[in-house]
Amino acid sequence: MGPEADDGDCTASGDHPLRAGFALGGHDGCIADARHHAAAFLEQARSGHRLPVSARAMDLTQLVVSELVTNARKYAPGPVLMELRVTVDSVEVIVWDSDPTVPSARAVDPGRIGQHGLEIVKAVSEDLSVRQEPVGKRITARIALADAPTSSTAQA
């Protein structure tokens, strides 16, 4: 994904039954807009495509979107592009920004105020990857759609 992201059209294709791309402006409300887009996208996956999107997946996806878009706005000049992809069992949140610097989670410090975003994303995601692009970088976080079975469910 590079600067060619679309403006929110949802499409179905092979490995990714549902996907949407969003060009997020630099205005103050773009983080809230990104969360709204993520919630609407997952609701469409749930109701329109009958995929098992748990409340937890909905909340975690909006959290990840918020953290990644906030970091992109804070550290990278220019546009932020977000793509959402749903497969049968997960949602991928992909955020592109113009800064080529690969971020890293900081060491745990309970006294530190702020700068915990990447730690949070890493903790709630099944997988997190960062890839440098010819311009900028792309961060991809994958979140399970369904809740993990509890020990009582797994024993049944």
Protein backbone atom coordinates (compact mmCIF):
# COMPACT_ATOMS: atom_id res chain seq x y z
CA MET A 1 0.00 0.00 0.00
CA GLY A 2 1.34 3.37 -0.90
CA PRO A 3 -0.20 6.69 -1.73
CA GLU A 4 -2.69 5.02 -4.07
CA ALA A 5 -5.14 4.01 -1.30
CA ASP A 6 -8.79 4.46 -2.11
CA ASP A 7 -11.35 6.49 -0.25
CA GLY A 8 -13.23 3.80 1.59
CA ASP A 9 -14.73 1.48 -0.99
CA CYS A 10 -15.26 -2.05 0.32
CA THR A 11 -14.45 -4.86 -2.03
CA ALA A 12 -14.32 -8.63 -1.88
CA SER A 13 -11.46 -10.70 -3.25
CA GLY A 14 -9.71 -14.09 -2.81
CA ASP A 15 -7.81 -14.21 0.47
CA HIS A 16 -9.40 -11.02 1.75
CA PRO A 17 -13.18 -11.30 1.47
CA LEU A 18 -13.59 -7.70 2.54
CA ARG A 19 -11.20 -4.76 2.38
CA ALA A 20 -11.34 -1.01 2.46
CA GLY A 21 -8.81 1.78 2.17
CA PHE A 22 -8.99 5.26 3.61
CA ALA A 23 -6.91 8.37 2.99
CA LEU A 24 -6.91 10.21 6.30
CA GLY A 25 -6.32 13.94 6.27
CA GLY A 26 -4.16 15.70 8.78
CA HIS A 27 -7.06 17.39 10.54
CA ASP A 28 -7.69 17.00 14.25
CA GLY A 29 -10.65 14.65 13.77
CA CYS A 30 -8.89 12.10 11.55
CA ILE A 31 -8.16 9.73 14.46
CA ALA A 32 -11.85 9.65 15.41
CA ASP A 33 -12.72 9.26 11.71
CA ALA A 34 -10.36 6.27 11.48
CA ARG A 35 -12.01 4.60 14.50
CA HIS A 36 -15.45 5.25 12.98
CA HIS A 37 -14.34 3.74 9.65
CA ALA A 38 -13.02 0.64 11.47
CA ALA A 39 -16.24 0.17 13.44
CA ALA A 40 -18.42 0.57 10.33
CA PHE A 41 -16.17 -1.78 8.36
CA LEU A 42 -16.36 -4.53 10.99
CA GLU A 43 -20.11 -4.05 11.37
CA GLN A 44 -20.44 -4.58 7.62
CA ALA A 45 -18.28 -7.73 7.91
CA ARG A 46 -20.56 -8.97 10.72
CA SER A 47 -23.96 -8.12 9.30
CA GLY A 48 -23.33 -8.04 5.55
CA HIS A 49 -20.90 -10.94 5.29
CA ARG A 50 -21.93 -12.89 8.40
CA LEU A 51 -18.39 -13.10 9.76
CA PRO A 52 -17.97 -13.77 13.50
CA VAL A 53 -16.82 -10.33 14.70
CA SER A 54 -16.78 -10.37 18.50
CA ALA A 55 -17.29 -7.26 20.62
CA ARG A 56 -13.70 -7.74 21.79
CA ALA A 57 -12.43 -7.72 18.18
CA MET A 58 -14.44 -4.56 17.50
CA ASP A 59 -12.96 -2.81 20.56
CA LEU A 60 -9.38 -3.99 19.95
CA THR A 61 -9.49 -3.01 16.29
CA GLN A 62 -10.62 0.50 17.16
CA LEU A 63 -7.87 0.70 19.81
CA VAL A 64 -5.19 -0.45 17.36
CA VAL A 65 -6.45 1.96 14.70
CA SER A 66 -6.40 4.80 17.20
CA GLU A 67 -2.84 4.04 18.36
CA LEU A 68 -1.36 3.52 14.89
CA VAL A 69 -3.03 6.57 13.33
CA THR A 70 -2.09 8.71 16.34
CA ASN A 71 1.55 7.68 15.97
CA ALA A 72 1.50 8.32 12.23
CA ARG A 73 0.05 11.80 12.73
CA LYS A 74 2.48 12.56 15.53
CA TYR A 75 5.72 11.39 13.91
CA ALA A 76 5.24 11.57 10.13
CA PRO A 77 4.57 14.60 7.97
CA GLY A 78 1.92 14.34 5.31
CA PRO A 79 -0.92 11.94 4.67
CA VAL A 80 -1.82 8.79 6.54
CA LEU A 81 -3.36 5.86 4.69
CA MET A 82 -5.27 3.08 6.40
CA GLU A 83 -6.39 -0.21 4.94
CA LEU A 84 -8.59 -2.76 6.69
CA ARG A 85 -8.81 -6.37 5.55
CA VAL A 86 -10.94 -9.15 6.92
CA THR A 87 -10.27 -12.82 6.36
CA VAL A 88 -12.35 -15.65 7.73
CA ASP A 89 -10.71 -15.44 11.16
CA SER A 90 -8.94 -12.08 11.52
CA VAL A 91 -8.84 -8.40 10.68
CA GLU A 92 -5.69 -6.68 9.52
CA VAL A 93 -5.14 -3.01 10.25
CA ILE A 94 -2.55 -1.54 7.89
CA VAL A 95 -1.35 2.03 8.35
CA TRP A 96 1.06 3.75 5.98
CA ASP A 97 2.85 7.00 6.72
CA SER A 98 5.69 8.97 5.13
CA ASP A 99 8.32 8.50 7.88
CA PRO A 100 10.70 5.62 7.04
CA THR A 101 11.82 5.25 10.67
CA VAL A 102 10.88 1.82 12.02
CA PRO A 103 9.35 2.27 15.46
CA SER A 104 10.15 0.01 18.37
CA ALA A 105 8.35 -0.62 21.63
CA ARG A 106 10.14 0.96 24.55
CA ALA A 107 11.24 -0.93 27.62
CA VAL A 108 8.57 -1.36 30.26
CA ASP A 109 8.48 1.62 32.60
CA PRO A 110 5.36 1.89 34.78
CA GLY A 111 6.35 5.45 35.70
CA ARG A 112 6.50 6.64 32.08
CA ILE A 113 3.64 8.87 31.02
CA GLY A 114 2.64 8.28 27.42
CA GLN A 115 4.49 6.62 24.56
CA HIS A 116 2.93 3.21 25.23
CA GLY A 117 1.07 2.97 21.90
CA LEU A 118 3.25 0.41 20.16
CA GLU A 119 3.46 -1.67 23.35
CA ILE A 120 -0.35 -1.72 23.48
CA VAL A 121 -0.69 -2.67 19.82
CA LYS A 122 1.87 -5.44 20.23
CA ALA A 123 0.09 -6.80 23.31
CA VAL A 124 -3.39 -7.01 21.74
CA SER A 125 -2.41 -8.17 18.25
CA GLU A 126 -1.85 -11.73 17.06
CA ASP A 127 0.88 -10.42 14.79
CA LEU A 128 2.57 -7.06 14.26
CA SER A 129 4.94 -6.25 11.41
CA VAL A 130 6.64 -3.12 10.13
CA ARG A 131 7.90 -2.85 6.58
CA GLN A 132 9.83 0.01 5.09
CA GLU A 133 8.44 1.15 1.76
CA PRO A 134 10.14 3.14 -1.04
CA VAL A 135 8.48 6.08 0.68
CA GLY A 136 7.71 5.74 4.39
CA LYS A 137 6.63 2.57 6.14
CA ARG A 138 3.69 0.24 6.52
CA ILE A 139 2.63 -1.18 9.88
CA THR A 140 0.32 -4.19 9.89
CA ALA A 141 -1.44 -5.53 12.98
CA ARG A 142 -3.62 -8.67 12.87
CA ILE A 143 -6.45 -9.19 15.38
CA ALA A 144 -8.60 -12.31 15.79
CA LEU A 145 -12.26 -11.81 14.91
CA ALA A 146 -13.61 -14.37 17.36
CA ASP A 147 -12.80 -14.58 21.04
CA ALA A 148 -10.42 -17.34 22.02
CA PRO A 149 -12.27 -20.28 23.60
CA THR A 150 -12.20 -20.21 27.38
CA SER A 151 -10.97 -23.25 29.27
CA SER A 152 -14.57 -24.26 30.09
CA THR A 153 -15.54 -23.95 26.40
CA ALA A 154 -12.48 -25.86 25.24
CA GLN A 155 -13.27 -28.77 27.60
CA ALA A 156 -16.88 -29.10 26.44
